[in-house]
Amino acid sequence: MSKNEFLTPAPANFIWPRCPEADQFIRDCLDRFLSHHEFADHLASRMLAETSTEFMSWVDHIVLPSHGYNPKDLFKGYGFIEDKMARCPAGVKALFHPYADLPRIIISAKTKSMSCAIHVDSISHFLSAHDLSYLIEGAPFSTYRVARIPGRNGELLAVERRGTRDYITGKKPKADDYLSGLEMWVNRPRLFKDETAGLKDTLSRAKKLATRFGTGIASVIFLEGERIYWQKRNRAGQVQKARQDALGLGWSNHDHHTFRSSRPQFPALIQVLLTFGFKKRERYYAGIDAGWGAQIMEQPEAGFIIFADVDLTPEDVSVDFSKEALPELDKPRTVGLWCALHGESILQAGMHHLEAQFDFERFKEFLNHSNLGLMNPFSDFPHLRQAFTKGESWPVVPERLERVKKEGKISMQAYEEIKIKGAVGSHLENLQRRDGFKGFNQKGVSQILRDVHPERQALNTEVGA
């Protein structure tokens, strides 16, 4: 792997390492910064208490003075390397850790003290939420914007990013161009009688966005539109978004977005993601008991991660299932049955779940006290904790349900339950990372796949945490 490339694709059987030294270095820097910036320290406390999130989950980058920090030392000691693809002001170097999920580091000859930047969806909303009035550098809806909030020793920077790794404020795209592109994607048709035609239409629209804006900004428009569609049918998402918006934060703590696909349409979904500049990372196989896997995708300009889920058999693992169309199974597994009931994620169904980073225990407590609920965790390690919220039940289109019954994909008992109560459609996922761990749990997930199987859920056999 070159020093400026992500693992795309990751080698076979690749396992992301834990990077505790680099993680602790970042945490120590943040502790020092918060001790010298009263507003930021108060904000961090409010984030934890009012949104169940940790300050570090919102950090875009840390600015360190060049007289005290040497990039070579940060590479030797912690593994940070220079990001030569990022545009920076004169006298500034950008560093990132290619193997860890950690904030970036800026080494600057222009500063004598440490500063810290948090990533928010809208700087103007953030400033308004805290009754602040500071200059916003950069044009509205452009690639990179920043507002500087001074402290006793260093600044808190509120930044917006739209598909760039740069640290120079941008003027493009113009606000009306961006908003018209977003409008086009949000209002695109999603309901098609022929899903193959629907994927072709979606791919055509993706190509138009990528041509018009470039893949970085197009990917931002794509996922902003997908979150809007998912959130309108997910109460946990609505409640949590309102909590985060009360502090002017938005969804910038997202970890990854998950789309489900039927086996025949999976290569078409991957083509849409490739069009938006996503690169193939590791392929994921949950195991023979789960009967499910995913192609993990990463957008290197914007830093987005996508899980593209599909039913898999042991035989499928030996081929690149992101390229080769897979035949329908006689009996669909968890992902296939979900798609048979609700449709393709990229079309009428929308995302299966959004995963965001939280203080795991605090968010669990909030969900339970709010009657939203959390399922049993399917990853519970010191470096990775994951659990779905209780599923959001959606009504199933009668024609789909009848087809599923006719084809023998569900039992009569499940059919009757789904006909009355609907079937679970989406979740919000509670995730907490430590040690900079960037990967996912590839073992021990069979139980959660059984728990979120639409037929099992229809028969009320899932167990909550």
Protein backbone atom coordinates (compact mmCIF):
# COMPACT_ATOMS: atom_id res chain seq x y z
CA MET A 1 0.00 0.00 0.00
CA SER A 2 1.38 3.41 -0.90
CA LYS A 3 1.56 6.05 1.80
CA ASN A 4 -1.31 8.01 0.29
CA GLU A 5 -3.76 5.25 -0.55
CA PHE A 6 -6.37 3.50 1.53
CA LEU A 7 -6.51 -0.29 1.50
CA THR A 8 -8.60 -0.60 -1.66
CA PRO A 9 -9.11 -3.47 -1.83
CA ALA A 10 -7.76 -4.87 1.42
CA PRO A 11 -5.74 -8.07 0.96
CA ALA A 12 -7.52 -11.38 1.47
CA ASN A 13 -8.13 -12.21 5.13
CA PHE A 14 -7.02 -8.72 6.16
CA ILE A 15 -7.72 -7.81 9.79
CA TRP A 16 -7.53 -4.17 10.83
CA PRO A 17 -5.05 -3.74 13.69
CA ARG A 18 -5.68 -2.13 17.04
CA CYS A 19 -3.58 1.01 17.51
CA PRO A 20 -3.77 1.79 21.24
CA GLU A 21 -0.69 4.04 21.34
CA ALA A 22 -1.98 6.29 18.56
CA ASP A 23 -5.44 6.34 20.13
CA GLN A 24 -4.04 7.33 23.52
CA PHE A 25 -1.90 10.05 21.94
CA ILE A 26 -5.00 11.64 20.41
CA ARG A 27 -6.96 11.34 23.66
CA ASP A 28 -4.12 12.96 25.62
CA CYS A 29 -4.02 15.84 23.14
CA LEU A 30 -7.78 16.34 23.47
CA ASP A 31 -7.59 16.29 27.27
CA ARG A 32 -4.95 19.02 27.19
CA PHE A 33 -6.93 21.06 24.70
CA LEU A 34 -10.18 20.84 26.69
CA SER A 35 -8.38 21.90 29.86
CA HIS A 36 -7.47 25.20 28.13
CA HIS A 37 -10.69 25.91 26.21
CA GLU A 38 -13.65 26.59 28.47
CA PHE A 39 -16.34 26.57 25.79
CA ALA A 40 -15.05 23.34 24.22
CA ASP A 41 -14.84 21.65 27.62
CA HIS A 42 -18.43 22.67 28.38
CA LEU A 43 -19.50 21.47 24.94
CA ALA A 44 -17.85 18.09 25.54
CA SER A 45 -19.81 17.70 28.79
CA ARG A 46 -23.05 18.62 27.04
CA MET A 47 -22.34 16.19 24.20
CA LEU A 48 -22.03 13.36 26.69
CA ALA A 49 -25.03 14.33 28.81
CA GLU A 50 -27.42 15.50 26.09
CA THR A 51 -26.52 13.36 23.05
CA SER A 52 -24.76 10.31 24.58
CA THR A 53 -21.75 11.01 22.36
CA GLU A 54 -18.07 11.52 23.13
CA PHE A 55 -16.24 14.67 22.07
CA MET A 56 -13.66 12.61 20.17
CA SER A 57 -16.36 11.20 17.87
CA TRP A 58 -16.87 14.71 16.46
CA VAL A 59 -13.20 15.66 16.06
CA ASP A 60 -12.13 16.24 12.45
CA HIS A 61 -8.50 17.14 13.17
CA ILE A 62 -6.10 18.44 15.79
CA VAL A 63 -3.73 21.33 15.03
CA LEU A 64 -0.28 21.02 16.61
CA PRO A 65 2.56 23.58 16.47
CA SER A 66 5.52 22.52 14.36
CA HIS A 67 8.02 23.71 16.97
CA GLY A 68 6.86 21.00 19.38
CA TYR A 69 5.85 18.16 17.04
CA ASN A 70 7.78 16.50 14.23
CA PRO A 71 5.91 14.46 11.57
CA LYS A 72 8.73 11.88 11.55
CA ASP A 73 8.31 11.35 15.29
CA LEU A 74 4.55 10.96 14.91
CA PHE A 75 5.15 8.34 12.21
CA LYS A 76 7.76 6.39 14.20
CA GLY A 77 5.87 6.56 17.47
CA TYR A 78 2.26 6.27 16.37
CA GLY A 79 2.03 5.46 12.65
CA PHE A 80 0.72 8.77 11.30
CA ILE A 81 1.84 9.54 7.75
CA GLU A 82 1.61 12.64 5.57
CA ASP A 83 -1.48 13.01 3.41
CA LYS A 84 0.02 14.42 0.24
CA MET A 85 -3.37 14.37 -1.50
CA ALA A 86 -4.80 16.99 0.89
CA ARG A 87 -4.39 20.66 -0.07
CA CYS A 88 -3.07 22.69 2.85
CA PRO A 89 -2.08 26.34 3.43
CA ALA A 90 1.61 27.18 3.25
CA GLY A 91 3.53 26.01 6.30
CA VAL A 92 1.02 23.28 7.09
CA LYS A 93 1.25 19.48 6.78
CA ALA A 94 -1.69 17.08 7.11
CA LEU A 95 -1.16 13.65 8.67
CA PHE A 96 -3.48 10.66 8.91
CA HIS A 97 -3.31 7.11 10.21
CA PRO A 98 -3.91 4.66 7.35
CA TYR A 99 -4.79 1.77 9.68
CA ALA A 100 -6.86 3.50 12.37
CA ASP A 101 -10.14 5.32 12.78
CA LEU A 102 -8.67 8.45 14.35
CA PRO A 103 -8.83 12.21 13.81
CA ARG A 104 -6.23 13.69 11.49
CA ILE A 105 -3.33 15.79 12.68
CA ILE A 106 -2.27 19.14 11.26
CA ILE A 107 1.30 20.29 11.89
CA SER A 108 1.43 24.07 11.50
CA ALA A 109 4.28 26.56 11.57
CA LYS A 110 1.68 29.31 12.01
CA THR A 111 0.51 28.41 15.50
CA LYS A 112 2.13 28.31 18.92
CA SER A 113 -0.66 26.40 20.67
CA MET A 114 -2.87 23.40 20.11
CA SER A 115 -6.26 23.83 18.43
CA CYS A 116 -9.00 21.33 17.69
CA ALA A 117 -11.58 21.10 14.89
CA ILE A 118 -14.96 19.41 15.22
CA HIS A 119 -16.97 18.34 12.18
CA VAL A 120 -20.59 19.52 12.06
CA ASP A 121 -23.21 19.36 9.31
CA SER A 122 -23.82 23.12 9.37
CA ILE A 123 -21.61 25.74 11.01
CA SER A 124 -24.40 28.32 11.00
CA HIS A 125 -26.68 25.90 12.86
CA PHE A 126 -23.89 25.14 15.32
CA LEU A 127 -23.18 28.80 16.05
CA SER A 128 -26.89 29.57 16.39
CA ALA A 129 -27.42 26.64 18.78
CA HIS A 130 -24.83 28.16 21.12
CA ASP A 131 -25.68 31.85 20.62
CA LEU A 132 -22.29 32.51 19.05
CA SER A 133 -21.42 35.00 16.35
CA TYR A 134 -18.16 34.36 14.51
CA LEU A 135 -17.04 34.77 10.91
CA ILE A 136 -17.57 31.70 8.73
CA GLU A 137 -14.75 31.29 6.22
CA GLY A 138 -15.75 29.71 2.91
CA ALA A 139 -18.83 29.98 0.72
CA PRO A 140 -22.12 28.32 1.81
CA PHE A 141 -22.32 24.62 0.81
CA SER A 142 -18.74 24.68 -0.51
CA THR A 143 -16.22 21.91 0.03
CA TYR A 144 -14.58 23.21 3.23
CA ARG A 145 -15.73 25.91 5.67
CA VAL A 146 -14.53 26.91 9.12
CA ALA A 147 -15.44 29.16 12.06
CA ARG A 148 -12.89 29.88 14.79
CA ILE A 149 -13.90 30.08 18.45
CA PRO A 150 -11.04 31.46 20.55
CA GLY A 151 -10.05 30.10 23.94
CA ARG A 152 -7.43 30.90 26.55
CA ASN A 153 -4.85 28.88 24.66
CA GLY A 154 -5.86 27.74 21.18
CA GLU A 155 -9.03 27.72 19.09
CA LEU A 156 -11.99 25.41 18.71
CA LEU A 157 -12.72 25.18 15.00
CA ALA A 158 -16.15 24.24 13.73
CA VAL A 159 -15.74 22.83 10.22
CA GLU A 160 -17.98 21.66 7.41
CA ARG A 161 -16.66 19.18 4.84
CA ARG A 162 -18.25 18.21 1.58
CA GLY A 163 -16.26 15.51 -0.14
CA THR A 164 -12.74 16.77 0.44
CA ARG A 165 -9.66 16.06 2.53
CA ASP A 166 -8.45 19.66 2.01
CA TYR A 167 -7.82 22.32 4.65
CA ILE A 168 -8.33 25.29 2.34
CA THR A 169 -11.73 26.95 2.22
CA GLY A 170 -13.61 26.39 -0.99
CA LYS A 171 -15.88 28.47 -3.20
CA LYS A 172 -17.49 25.64 -5.14
CA PRO A 173 -20.09 24.39 -5.63
CA LYS A 174 -22.39 27.37 -5.44
CA ALA A 175 -25.19 27.00 -2.91
CA ASP A 176 -27.98 26.83 -5.49
CA ASP A 177 -26.05 24.20 -7.50
CA TYR A 178 -25.54 22.00 -4.44
CA LEU A 179 -29.16 22.34 -3.31
CA SER A 180 -30.51 21.58 -6.78
CA GLY A 181 -28.32 18.46 -6.91
CA LEU A 182 -29.57 17.37 -3.50
CA GLU A 183 -33.15 18.04 -4.54
CA MET A 184 -32.69 15.91 -7.65
CA TRP A 185 -31.42 12.96 -5.62
CA VAL A 186 -33.90 13.26 -2.73
CA ASN A 187 -36.86 13.46 -5.14
CA ARG A 188 -35.73 10.71 -7.50
CA PRO A 189 -38.20 7.87 -8.22
CA ARG A 190 -37.69 4.85 -5.99
CA LEU A 191 -40.70 2.68 -6.78
CA PHE A 192 -40.32 0.55 -9.91
CA LYS A 193 -42.24 -2.52 -11.02
CA ASP A 194 -39.01 -3.76 -12.59
CA GLU A 195 -36.14 -3.38 -10.10
CA THR A 196 -33.54 -3.94 -12.81
CA ALA A 197 -34.93 -0.85 -14.56
CA GLY A 198 -34.90 0.94 -11.21
CA LEU A 199 -31.20 0.22 -10.71
CA LYS A 200 -30.44 1.43 -14.24
CA ASP A 201 -32.29 4.68 -13.58
CA THR A 202 -30.47 5.12 -10.27
CA LEU A 203 -27.09 4.49 -11.90
CA SER A 204 -27.87 7.05 -14.61
CA ARG A 205 -28.69 9.68 -11.98
CA ALA A 206 -25.55 8.82 -10.00
CA LYS A 207 -23.44 9.34 -13.14
CA LYS A 208 -25.04 12.75 -13.72
CA LEU A 209 -24.25 13.85 -10.15
CA ALA A 210 -20.66 12.57 -10.34
CA THR A 211 -20.10 14.31 -13.68
CA ARG A 212 -21.63 17.55 -12.46
CA PHE A 213 -19.93 17.81 -9.06
CA GLY A 214 -17.10 15.27 -8.97
CA THR A 215 -17.28 12.11 -6.91
CA GLY A 216 -16.44 13.75 -3.56
CA ILE A 217 -19.35 16.20 -3.45
CA ALA A 218 -21.65 13.75 -5.27
CA SER A 219 -21.08 11.17 -2.53
CA VAL A 220 -22.06 13.76 0.10
CA ILE A 221 -25.30 14.53 -1.76
CA PHE A 222 -25.98 10.80 -2.14
CA LEU A 223 -25.68 9.94 1.55
CA GLU A 224 -27.38 13.09 2.79
CA GLY A 225 -30.35 12.15 0.64
CA GLU A 226 -30.28 8.54 1.83
CA ARG A 227 -30.24 9.59 5.51
CA ILE A 228 -33.24 11.85 4.89
CA TYR A 229 -35.17 8.95 3.35
CA TRP A 230 -34.14 6.48 6.08
CA GLN A 231 -34.82 8.85 8.95
CA LYS A 232 -38.42 9.58 8.02
CA ARG A 233 -39.22 5.91 8.80
CA ASN A 234 -36.96 5.40 11.81
CA ARG A 235 -38.13 6.86 15.13
CA ALA A 236 -34.84 6.21 16.93
CA GLY A 237 -33.08 8.14 14.17
CA GLN A 238 -35.56 11.00 14.44
CA VAL A 239 -35.18 11.25 18.22
CA GLN A 240 -31.39 11.06 18.18
CA LYS A 241 -31.06 13.52 15.29
CA ALA A 242 -33.17 16.01 17.27
CA ARG A 243 -30.85 15.60 20.27
CA GLN A 244 -27.77 16.21 18.14
CA ASP A 245 -29.38 19.10 16.27
CA ALA A 246 -30.13 20.80 19.60
CA LEU A 247 -26.36 21.24 19.89
CA GLY A 248 -26.02 22.13 16.22
CA LEU A 249 -24.13 18.94 15.37
CA GLY A 250 -26.13 16.99 12.77
CA TRP A 251 -25.10 13.44 11.80
CA SER A 252 -21.33 13.96 11.56
CA ASN A 253 -20.77 11.17 14.10
CA HIS A 254 -21.93 8.56 11.59
CA ASP A 255 -19.69 5.51 11.31
CA HIS A 256 -21.16 3.76 8.29
CA HIS A 257 -24.32 3.45 6.18
CA THR A 258 -25.75 0.01 5.38
CA PHE A 259 -27.58 -0.96 2.20
CA ARG A 260 -29.12 -4.36 1.58
CA SER A 261 -29.45 -5.99 -1.80
CA SER A 262 -30.94 -9.09 -3.36
CA ARG A 263 -28.39 -11.44 -4.90
CA PRO A 264 -29.23 -10.70 -8.58
CA GLN A 265 -29.07 -6.90 -8.08
CA PHE A 266 -25.92 -6.80 -5.97
CA PRO A 267 -23.43 -5.99 -8.80
CA ALA A 268 -25.72 -3.13 -9.91
CA LEU A 269 -25.68 -1.68 -6.38
CA ILE A 270 -21.88 -1.87 -6.36
CA GLN A 271 -21.78 -0.02 -9.70
CA VAL A 272 -23.81 2.83 -8.19
CA LEU A 273 -21.37 3.05 -5.27
CA LEU A 274 -18.33 2.94 -7.56
CA THR A 275 -19.84 5.79 -9.56
CA PHE A 276 -19.88 7.90 -6.39
CA GLY A 277 -16.16 7.22 -5.92
CA PHE A 278 -16.40 4.47 -3.32
CA LYS A 279 -13.56 1.96 -3.42
CA LYS A 280 -13.76 -1.69 -2.50
CA ARG A 281 -12.28 -2.44 0.87
CA GLU A 282 -12.44 -5.83 2.57
CA ARG A 283 -15.11 -8.39 1.78
CA TYR A 284 -16.95 -9.62 4.84
CA TYR A 285 -18.44 -13.07 5.42
CA ALA A 286 -20.40 -13.60 8.62
CA GLY A 287 -20.08 -17.39 8.47
CA ILE A 288 -22.02 -20.40 7.30
CA ASP A 289 -24.57 -20.12 10.10
CA ALA A 290 -25.39 -16.52 9.24
CA GLY A 291 -25.59 -17.02 5.47
CA TRP A 292 -24.75 -13.40 4.88
CA GLY A 293 -21.85 -11.18 3.88
CA ALA A 294 -20.93 -7.74 2.64
CA GLN A 295 -18.63 -5.75 0.43
CA ILE A 296 -17.27 -2.91 2.56
CA MET A 297 -16.73 0.28 0.57
CA GLU A 298 -14.82 3.46 1.45
CA GLN A 299 -14.97 6.87 -0.24
CA PRO A 300 -11.41 8.24 0.17
CA GLU A 301 -12.26 11.88 -0.58
CA ALA A 302 -15.17 12.12 1.86
CA GLY A 303 -14.15 9.36 4.29
CA PHE A 304 -17.55 7.61 4.13
CA ILE A 305 -17.94 3.89 4.81
CA ILE A 306 -20.70 1.71 3.36
CA PHE A 307 -21.69 -1.87 4.17
CA ALA A 308 -23.34 -3.46 1.12
CA ASP A 309 -25.10 -6.57 2.47
CA VAL A 310 -26.15 -9.67 0.54
CA ASP A 311 -27.05 -13.32 1.21
CA LEU A 312 -24.06 -15.62 0.70
CA THR A 313 -23.40 -19.32 0.62
CA PRO A 314 -19.98 -20.84 1.45
CA GLU A 315 -19.40 -21.34 -2.28
CA ASP A 316 -19.89 -17.63 -3.00
CA VAL A 317 -16.99 -16.59 -0.80
CA SER A 318 -14.42 -17.88 -3.31
CA VAL A 319 -15.60 -15.45 -6.02
CA ASP A 320 -15.77 -11.67 -6.19
CA PHE A 321 -19.49 -11.48 -5.42
CA SER A 322 -19.38 -7.71 -6.02
CA LYS A 323 -18.88 -8.39 -9.74
CA GLU A 324 -20.64 -11.66 -10.48
CA ALA A 325 -24.44 -11.78 -10.35
CA LEU A 326 -25.51 -14.40 -7.86
CA PRO A 327 -28.53 -16.63 -8.58
CA GLU A 328 -31.54 -16.54 -6.31
CA LEU A 329 -31.55 -19.07 -3.49
CA ASP A 330 -34.40 -21.52 -3.05
CA LYS A 331 -34.85 -20.19 0.47
CA PRO A 332 -33.67 -16.62 1.07
CA ARG A 333 -31.64 -15.81 4.16
CA THR A 334 -31.93 -12.71 6.33
CA VAL A 335 -30.95 -10.12 3.70
CA GLY A 336 -32.78 -11.76 0.81
CA LEU A 337 -36.06 -12.05 2.70
CA TRP A 338 -35.81 -8.44 3.88
CA CYS A 339 -35.40 -7.33 0.24
CA ALA A 340 -38.24 -9.59 -0.89
CA LEU A 341 -40.53 -7.91 1.66
CA HIS A 342 -39.37 -4.30 1.45
CA GLY A 343 -37.45 -3.97 -1.82
CA GLU A 344 -33.88 -2.95 -2.62
CA SER A 345 -32.20 -0.58 -0.16
CA ILE A 346 -31.07 1.73 -2.96
CA LEU A 347 -34.67 1.95 -4.18
CA GLN A 348 -37.94 1.91 -2.20
CA ALA A 349 -36.70 0.31 1.01
CA GLY A 350 -33.93 2.75 1.87
CA MET A 351 -31.04 1.96 4.19
CA HIS A 352 -31.31 -0.93 6.62
CA HIS A 353 -29.44 1.02 9.28
CA LEU A 354 -27.24 3.97 10.05
CA GLU A 355 -24.46 3.26 12.52
CA ALA A 356 -23.12 6.18 14.53
CA GLN A 357 -20.54 6.49 17.29
CA PHE A 358 -21.76 6.93 20.86
CA ASP A 359 -20.81 6.37 24.45
CA PHE A 360 -22.28 2.87 24.32
CA GLU A 361 -23.63 2.61 27.87
CA ARG A 362 -25.04 6.12 27.97
CA PHE A 363 -26.85 5.67 24.68
CA LYS A 364 -28.15 2.28 25.77
CA GLU A 365 -29.53 3.86 28.94
CA PHE A 366 -31.16 6.68 26.99
CA LEU A 367 -32.78 4.30 24.50
CA ASN A 368 -34.20 2.10 27.23
CA HIS A 369 -35.54 5.07 29.22
CA SER A 370 -37.11 6.48 26.04
CA ASN A 371 -38.91 3.20 25.21
CA LEU A 372 -36.87 2.88 22.03
CA GLY A 373 -34.90 -0.12 23.25
CA LEU A 374 -31.65 -1.81 22.27
CA MET A 375 -31.14 -5.38 21.12
CA ASN A 376 -28.44 -7.58 22.60
CA PRO A 377 -24.96 -6.46 21.49
CA PHE A 378 -23.39 -8.51 18.72
CA SER A 379 -19.93 -7.09 19.40
CA ASP A 380 -18.89 -6.57 23.00
CA PHE A 381 -15.13 -6.14 23.14
CA PRO A 382 -12.94 -3.51 24.81
CA HIS A 383 -12.18 -2.06 21.35
CA LEU A 384 -15.59 -2.53 19.66
CA ARG A 385 -19.16 -2.52 20.96
CA GLN A 386 -22.17 -2.73 18.63
CA ALA A 387 -25.92 -3.19 19.04
CA PHE A 388 -29.04 -2.43 17.01
CA THR A 389 -31.93 -0.42 18.34
CA LYS A 390 -35.22 -2.30 18.39
CA GLY A 391 -36.36 -2.63 14.80
CA GLU A 392 -38.74 -0.16 13.18
CA SER A 393 -41.74 -2.04 11.82
CA TRP A 394 -42.91 -1.17 8.30
CA PRO A 395 -46.11 -2.28 6.55
CA VAL A 396 -45.39 -4.60 3.62
CA VAL A 397 -46.94 -3.93 0.21
CA PRO A 398 -49.66 -6.60 -0.18
CA GLU A 399 -48.43 -7.70 -3.61
CA ARG A 400 -44.95 -8.31 -2.21
CA LEU A 401 -46.24 -10.22 0.78
CA GLU A 402 -48.46 -12.41 -1.38
CA ARG A 403 -45.53 -13.16 -3.70
CA VAL A 404 -43.30 -14.11 -0.78
CA LYS A 405 -45.99 -16.46 0.56
CA LYS A 406 -46.69 -17.96 -2.87
CA GLU A 407 -42.99 -18.68 -3.39
CA GLY A 408 -42.80 -20.42 -0.01
CA LYS A 409 -40.27 -17.98 1.46
CA ILE A 410 -42.10 -17.61 4.79
CA SER A 411 -44.37 -19.75 6.93
CA MET A 412 -48.13 -19.18 7.07
CA GLN A 413 -47.81 -18.08 10.69
CA ALA A 414 -45.22 -15.41 9.78
CA TYR A 415 -47.35 -14.37 6.81
CA GLU A 416 -50.37 -13.74 9.04
CA GLU A 417 -48.29 -11.78 11.56
CA ILE A 418 -46.64 -9.63 8.90
CA LYS A 419 -49.97 -9.00 7.21
CA ILE A 420 -51.29 -7.44 10.43
CA LYS A 421 -48.19 -5.97 12.07
CA GLY A 422 -45.77 -5.39 9.21
CA ALA A 423 -42.13 -6.48 9.18
CA VAL A 424 -39.07 -4.92 10.77
CA GLY A 425 -37.46 -2.57 8.30
CA SER A 426 -34.68 -0.49 9.84
CA HIS A 427 -32.50 0.24 12.86
CA LEU A 428 -30.14 2.81 14.27
CA GLU A 429 -26.94 1.20 15.50
CA ASN A 430 -25.10 2.02 18.70
CA LEU A 431 -21.32 1.75 18.20
CA GLN A 432 -18.31 2.57 20.34
CA ARG A 433 -14.71 2.22 19.17
CA ARG A 434 -11.46 2.15 21.12
CA ASP A 435 -7.77 1.71 20.21
CA GLY A 436 -8.43 3.35 16.84
CA PHE A 437 -9.93 0.09 15.61
CA LYS A 438 -11.25 0.68 12.10
CA GLY A 439 -12.61 -2.76 11.29
CA PHE A 440 -15.66 -4.80 12.17
CA ASN A 441 -16.42 -7.99 14.03
CA GLN A 442 -16.29 -10.87 11.56
CA LYS A 443 -16.94 -13.57 14.13
CA GLY A 444 -19.80 -14.26 16.47
CA VAL A 445 -22.43 -12.36 14.47
CA SER A 446 -24.55 -15.38 13.59
CA GLN A 447 -26.93 -14.77 16.48
CA ILE A 448 -27.72 -11.18 15.55
CA LEU A 449 -28.40 -12.26 11.95
CA ARG A 450 -30.86 -14.81 13.29
CA ASP A 451 -32.40 -12.20 15.55
CA VAL A 452 -32.99 -9.73 12.69
CA HIS A 453 -34.33 -12.36 10.28
CA PRO A 454 -37.73 -10.96 9.20
CA GLU A 455 -39.59 -14.19 9.84
CA ARG A 456 -38.05 -14.67 13.28
CA GLN A 457 -38.88 -11.07 14.19
CA ALA A 458 -42.45 -11.46 12.96
CA LEU A 459 -42.87 -14.33 15.40
CA ASN A 460 -41.57 -12.18 18.27
CA THR A 461 -38.51 -14.29 19.08
CA GLU A 462 -35.96 -11.47 19.26
CA VAL A 463 -34.50 -10.61 22.64
CA GLY A 464 -33.69 -7.07 23.78
CA ALA A 465 -30.76 -5.92 25.90
